[in-house]
C-alpha atoms as a PDB file:
ATOM      1  CA  MET A   1      -2.307  13.726 -10.547  1.00  0.00           C
ATOM      2  CA  ASP A   2      -1.328  14.309  -6.923  1.00  0.00           C
ATOM      3  CA  TYR A   3       0.088  10.844  -6.192  1.00  0.00           C
ATOM      4  CA  ILE A   4       2.270   9.062  -8.708  1.00  0.00           C
ATOM      5  CA  PHE A   5       2.707   5.504  -7.457  1.00  0.00           C
ATOM      6  CA  ASP A   6      -0.049   2.889  -7.360  1.00  0.00           C
ATOM      7  CA  THR A   7       1.244   0.631  -4.583  1.00  0.00           C
ATOM      8  CA  GLN A   8      -0.225  -2.823  -3.954  1.00  0.00           C
ATOM      9  CA  LEU A   9       0.944  -5.608  -1.670  1.00  0.00           C
ATOM     10  CA  LEU A  10      -0.080  -8.372   0.680  1.00  0.00           C
ATOM     11  CA  ILE A  11       0.849  -8.614   4.348  1.00  0.00           C
ATOM     12  CA  SER A  12       0.896 -12.093   5.913  1.00  0.00           C
ATOM     13  CA  GLY A  13       1.072 -12.477   9.665  1.00  0.00           C
ATOM     14  CA  THR A  14      -0.911 -13.135  12.803  1.00  0.00           C
ATOM     15  CA  GLY A  15      -3.207 -10.826  14.705  1.00  0.00           C
ATOM     16  CA  LEU A  16      -3.473  -8.350  11.807  1.00  0.00           C
ATOM     17  CA  ASP A  17      -6.229  -5.735  12.167  1.00  0.00           C
ATOM     18  CA  GLU A  18      -7.396  -4.199   8.876  1.00  0.00           C
ATOM     19  CA  ASP A  19      -9.077  -1.226  10.579  1.00  0.00           C
ATOM     20  CA  ALA A  20      -6.002  -0.387  12.666  1.00  0.00           C
ATOM     21  CA  ILE A  21      -3.748  -0.713   9.607  1.00  0.00           C
ATOM     22  CA  PHE A  22      -6.063   1.530   7.567  1.00  0.00           C
ATOM     23  CA  ASP A  23      -6.105   4.161  10.316  1.00  0.00           C
ATOM     24  CA  ALA A  24      -2.312   4.039  10.746  1.00  0.00           C
ATOM     25  CA  ILE A  25      -1.679   4.479   7.026  1.00  0.00           C
ATOM     26  CA  VAL A  26      -4.082   7.441   6.836  1.00  0.00           C
ATOM     27  CA  ALA A  27      -2.399   9.044   9.860  1.00  0.00           C
ATOM     28  CA  GLN A  28       1.204   8.479   8.735  1.00  0.00           C
ATOM     29  CA  PHE A  29       1.287   8.766   4.941  1.00  0.00           C
ATOM     30  CA  GLU A  30       0.065  11.180   2.295  1.00  0.00           C
ATOM     31  CA  GLY A  31      -1.949   9.497  -0.429  1.00  0.00           C
ATOM     32  CA  ASP A  32      -5.380   8.452  -1.605  1.00  0.00           C
ATOM     33  CA  SER A  33      -7.457   5.509  -2.823  1.00  0.00           C
ATOM     34  CA  LEU A  34      -6.527   3.409   0.219  1.00  0.00           C
ATOM     35  CA  LEU A  35      -7.869  -0.102   0.591  1.00  0.00           C
ATOM     36  CA  ALA A  36      -6.834  -2.310   3.506  1.00  0.00           C
ATOM     37  CA  VAL A  37      -8.907  -5.481   3.428  1.00  0.00           C
ATOM     38  CA  GLY A  38      -8.528  -8.995   4.730  1.00  0.00           C
ATOM     39  CA  ASP A  39      -8.484 -10.888   7.984  1.00  0.00           C
ATOM     40  CA  ASP A  40      -6.155 -11.439  10.925  1.00  0.00           C
ATOM     41  CA  GLU A  41      -3.670 -13.453   8.808  1.00  0.00           C
ATOM     42  CA  LEU A  42      -3.685 -11.716   5.397  1.00  0.00           C
ATOM     43  CA  ILE A  43      -4.258  -8.066   4.466  1.00  0.00           C
ATOM     44  CA  ARG A  44      -4.315  -6.634   0.961  1.00  0.00           C
ATOM     45  CA  ILE A  45      -3.120  -3.035   0.661  1.00  0.00           C
ATOM     46  CA  HIS A  46      -3.798  -0.697  -2.272  1.00  0.00           C
ATOM     47  CA  PHE A  47      -2.625   2.921  -1.952  1.00  0.00           C
ATOM     48  CA  HIS A  48      -1.677   5.817  -4.224  1.00  0.00           C
ATOM     49  CA  THR A  49       1.326   7.684  -2.781  1.00  0.00           C
ATOM     50  CA  ASN A  50       4.520   9.477  -3.738  1.00  0.00           C
ATOM     51  CA  THR A  51       6.575   7.528  -1.187  1.00  0.00           C
ATOM     52  CA  PRO A  52       5.856   3.807  -1.641  1.00  0.00           C
ATOM     53  CA  TRP A  53       9.124   2.852   0.093  1.00  0.00           C
ATOM     54  CA  LYS A  54       7.814   4.335   3.343  1.00  0.00           C
ATOM     55  CA  LEU A  55       4.586   2.330   3.043  1.00  0.00           C
ATOM     56  CA  LEU A  56       6.578  -0.846   2.373  1.00  0.00           C
ATOM     57  CA  GLU A  57       8.741  -0.209   5.427  1.00  0.00           C
ATOM     58  CA  TYR A  58       5.666   0.250   7.638  1.00  0.00           C
ATOM     59  CA  CYS A  59       3.945  -2.855   6.274  1.00  0.00           C
ATOM     60  CA  ALA A  60       7.103  -4.960   6.655  1.00  0.00           C
ATOM     61  CA  GLY A  61       6.966  -4.156  10.360  1.00  0.00           C
ATOM     62  CA  LEU A  62       3.549  -5.812  10.569  1.00  0.00           C
ATOM     63  CA  GLY A  63       4.381  -9.140   8.948  1.00  0.00           C
ATOM     64  CA  GLU A  64       5.790 -10.676   5.802  1.00  0.00           C
ATOM     65  CA  ILE A  65       5.136  -8.537   2.724  1.00  0.00           C
ATOM     66  CA  HIS A  66       4.801 -10.130  -0.711  1.00  0.00           C
ATOM     67  CA  ASP A  67       3.147  -9.825  -4.130  1.00  0.00           C
ATOM     68  CA  ILE A  68       4.383  -6.231  -4.264  1.00  0.00           C
ATOM     69  CA  VAL A  69       3.416  -4.147  -7.299  1.00  0.00           C
ATOM     70  CA  ILE A  70       4.368  -0.484  -7.680  1.00  0.00           C
ATOM     71  CA  GLU A  71       3.285   1.236 -10.868  1.00  0.00           C
ATOM     72  CA  ASN A  72       4.143   4.764 -11.960  1.00  0.00           C
ATOM     73  CA  MET A  73       0.752   6.191 -12.960  1.00  0.00           C
ATOM     74  CA  ALA A  74       2.327   9.359 -14.415  1.00  0.00           C
ATOM     75  CA  ARG A  75       4.201   7.235 -16.971  1.00  0.00           C
ATOM     76  CA  GLN A  76       1.044   5.244 -17.707  1.00  0.00           C
ATOM     77  CA  ALA A  77      -0.846   8.495 -18.365  1.00  0.00           C
ATOM     78  CA  ARG A  78       1.783   9.338 -21.003  1.00  0.00           C
ATOM     79  CA  GLY A  79       1.251   5.958 -22.684  1.00  0.00           C
ATOM     80  CA  LEU A  80       4.427   4.378 -21.289  1.00  0.00           C
ATOM     81  CA  ASP A  81       4.899   1.257 -19.188  1.00  0.00           C
ATOM     82  CA  GLY A  82       4.248   1.974 -15.523  1.00  0.00           C
END
């Protein structure tokens, strides 16, 4: 497993651009399984990374972040709570 944290959140704001957000995350952060879907007022992010705090900081600069879930997939693979 290359990336430990399954990071999910919503970004609420105005003028959000899912394609631009997707491209910026790919360019700035190491990870995989990226989804950035929504419209100009609400974007759902799903990303596997080792540095979820950096992703949260970036997303918080775009709008209000909420419904944040970060799960440790390495712990889950060992049968523990993520």
